[in-house]
C-alpha atoms as a PDB file:
ATOM      1  CA  MET A   1      10.192 -16.746  10.739  1.00  0.00           C
ATOM      2  CA  ALA A   2       7.732 -14.310   9.166  1.00  0.00           C
ATOM      3  CA  GLU A   3       4.080 -14.935   9.844  1.00  0.00           C
ATOM      4  CA  LYS A   4       1.804 -15.287   6.814  1.00  0.00           C
ATOM      5  CA  ARG A   5      -1.094 -12.896   6.712  1.00  0.00           C
ATOM      6  CA  VAL A   6      -4.369 -14.578   5.886  1.00  0.00           C
ATOM      7  CA  GLU A   7      -6.923 -12.419   4.133  1.00  0.00           C
ATOM      8  CA  THR A   8     -10.344 -12.480   5.733  1.00  0.00           C
ATOM      9  CA  SER A   9     -13.539 -12.049   3.780  1.00  0.00           C
ATOM     10  CA  GLU A  10     -13.825  -8.609   5.437  1.00  0.00           C
ATOM     11  CA  SER A  11     -10.445  -7.501   4.087  1.00  0.00           C
ATOM     12  CA  ILE A  12     -11.358  -8.852   0.660  1.00  0.00           C
ATOM     13  CA  TYR A  13     -14.579  -6.788   0.680  1.00  0.00           C
ATOM     14  CA  LEU A  14     -12.690  -3.667   1.778  1.00  0.00           C
ATOM     15  CA  LYS A  15     -10.208  -4.177  -1.068  1.00  0.00           C
ATOM     16  CA  LYS A  16     -13.117  -4.502  -3.509  1.00  0.00           C
ATOM     17  CA  ILE A  17     -14.643  -1.288  -2.146  1.00  0.00           C
ATOM     18  CA  GLY A  18     -11.290   0.434  -2.667  1.00  0.00           C
ATOM     19  CA  ASP A  19     -11.111  -0.872  -6.219  1.00  0.00           C
ATOM     20  CA  ARG A  20     -14.637   0.419  -6.921  1.00  0.00           C
ATOM     21  CA  LEU A  21     -13.754   3.851  -5.488  1.00  0.00           C
ATOM     22  CA  LYS A  22     -10.726   3.971  -7.765  1.00  0.00           C
ATOM     23  CA  HIS A  23     -12.819   2.884 -10.766  1.00  0.00           C
ATOM     24  CA  PHE A  24     -15.454   5.583 -10.241  1.00  0.00           C
ATOM     25  CA  ARG A  25     -12.829   8.252  -9.486  1.00  0.00           C
ATOM     26  CA  LYS A  26     -11.137   7.524 -12.804  1.00  0.00           C
ATOM     27  CA  GLU A  27     -14.511   7.408 -14.546  1.00  0.00           C
ATOM     28  CA  ALA A  28     -15.156  10.911 -13.162  1.00  0.00           C
ATOM     29  CA  GLY A  29     -11.994  12.085 -14.930  1.00  0.00           C
ATOM     30  CA  TYR A  30      -9.537  12.189 -12.035  1.00  0.00           C
ATOM     31  CA  ALA A  31      -6.235  10.500 -12.858  1.00  0.00           C
ATOM     32  CA  ASN A  32      -5.018  10.509  -9.259  1.00  0.00           C
ATOM     33  CA  SER A  33      -6.624  10.266  -5.852  1.00  0.00           C
ATOM     34  CA  GLU A  34      -4.921  13.364  -4.430  1.00  0.00           C
ATOM     35  CA  THR A  35      -6.488  15.735  -6.960  1.00  0.00           C
ATOM     36  CA  PHE A  36      -9.920  14.207  -6.473  1.00  0.00           C
ATOM     37  CA  ALA A  37      -9.702  14.355  -2.666  1.00  0.00           C
ATOM     38  CA  TYR A  38      -8.370  17.922  -2.683  1.00  0.00           C
ATOM     39  CA  GLU A  39     -11.095  19.206  -5.010  1.00  0.00           C
ATOM     40  CA  LYS A  40     -13.844  17.411  -3.053  1.00  0.00           C
ATOM     41  CA  ASN A  41     -12.546  18.546   0.361  1.00  0.00           C
ATOM     42  CA  ILE A  42     -11.706  15.019   1.544  1.00  0.00           C
ATOM     43  CA  SER A  43      -8.517  14.161   3.435  1.00  0.00           C
ATOM     44  CA  ARG A  44      -6.052  13.177   0.713  1.00  0.00           C
ATOM     45  CA  ALA A  45      -4.163  10.731   2.919  1.00  0.00           C
ATOM     46  CA  GLN A  46      -7.316   9.061   4.203  1.00  0.00           C
ATOM     47  CA  TYR A  47      -8.913   8.831   0.768  1.00  0.00           C
ATOM     48  CA  GLY A  48      -5.794   7.096  -0.531  1.00  0.00           C
ATOM     49  CA  LYS A  49      -6.115   4.588   2.310  1.00  0.00           C
ATOM     50  CA  TYR A  50      -9.735   3.894   1.358  1.00  0.00           C
ATOM     51  CA  GLU A  51      -8.711   3.111  -2.210  1.00  0.00           C
ATOM     52  CA  ALA A  52      -6.046   0.782  -0.797  1.00  0.00           C
ATOM     53  CA  GLY A  53      -8.668  -1.133   1.207  1.00  0.00           C
ATOM     54  CA  ALA A  54      -8.774   0.589   4.603  1.00  0.00           C
ATOM     55  CA  ASN A  55     -11.931   0.292   6.680  1.00  0.00           C
ATOM     56  CA  ILE A  56     -14.482   2.949   5.750  1.00  0.00           C
ATOM     57  CA  GLN A  57     -17.607   4.069   7.586  1.00  0.00           C
ATOM     58  CA  LEU A  58     -20.862   4.041   5.672  1.00  0.00           C
ATOM     59  CA  ASN A  59     -21.443   7.778   6.120  1.00  0.00           C
ATOM     60  CA  THR A  60     -17.959   8.457   4.714  1.00  0.00           C
ATOM     61  CA  LEU A  61     -18.616   6.189   1.737  1.00  0.00           C
ATOM     62  CA  ILE A  62     -21.898   8.011   1.078  1.00  0.00           C
ATOM     63  CA  LYS A  63     -20.131  11.408   1.238  1.00  0.00           C
ATOM     64  CA  ILE A  64     -17.502  10.234  -1.265  1.00  0.00           C
ATOM     65  CA  LEU A  65     -20.100   8.727  -3.594  1.00  0.00           C
ATOM     66  CA  LYS A  66     -22.109  11.968  -3.536  1.00  0.00           C
ATOM     67  CA  ALA A  67     -18.951  13.815  -4.579  1.00  0.00           C
ATOM     68  CA  MET A  68     -18.641  11.334  -7.468  1.00  0.00           C
ATOM     69  CA  ASN A  69     -22.362  11.564  -8.347  1.00  0.00           C
ATOM     70  CA  VAL A  70     -22.656   7.798  -7.863  1.00  0.00           C
ATOM     71  CA  SER A  71     -25.547   6.140  -6.015  1.00  0.00           C
ATOM     72  CA  LEU A  72     -25.051   3.317  -3.519  1.00  0.00           C
ATOM     73  CA  ALA A  73     -26.997   1.044  -5.870  1.00  0.00           C
ATOM     74  CA  GLU A  74     -24.682   1.863  -8.768  1.00  0.00           C
ATOM     75  CA  PHE A  75     -21.603   1.499  -6.569  1.00  0.00           C
ATOM     76  CA  PHE A  76     -22.580  -1.977  -5.375  1.00  0.00           C
ATOM     77  CA  ASP A  77     -23.984  -3.094  -8.729  1.00  0.00           C
ATOM     78  CA  ASP A  78     -21.830  -5.919 -10.061  1.00  0.00           C
ATOM     79  CA  PHE A  79     -20.388  -6.408  -6.551  1.00  0.00           C
ATOM     80  CA  LYS A  80     -19.868 -10.159  -6.300  1.00  0.00           C
ATOM     81  CA  GLU A  81     -19.941 -12.374  -3.207  1.00  0.00           C
ATOM     82  CA  VAL A  82     -16.588 -13.445  -1.784  1.00  0.00           C
END
């Protein structure tokens, strides 16, 4: 019998971070994550994982947001509690 995976609040937050990364990438004019990552010298495979909700270090998030010209305050604005 398959085991059900229960989402933790941590995984929900990571998914929300991924959704915000995707939102700001598209807002910056990049239709896909591979083009954005390639042009900003970020690992394409890893960046795709971040958008999918993989764990991300704060310094990596800051590097990505700088490439998007987005501040931490703007990124977390409208970020609701889980």
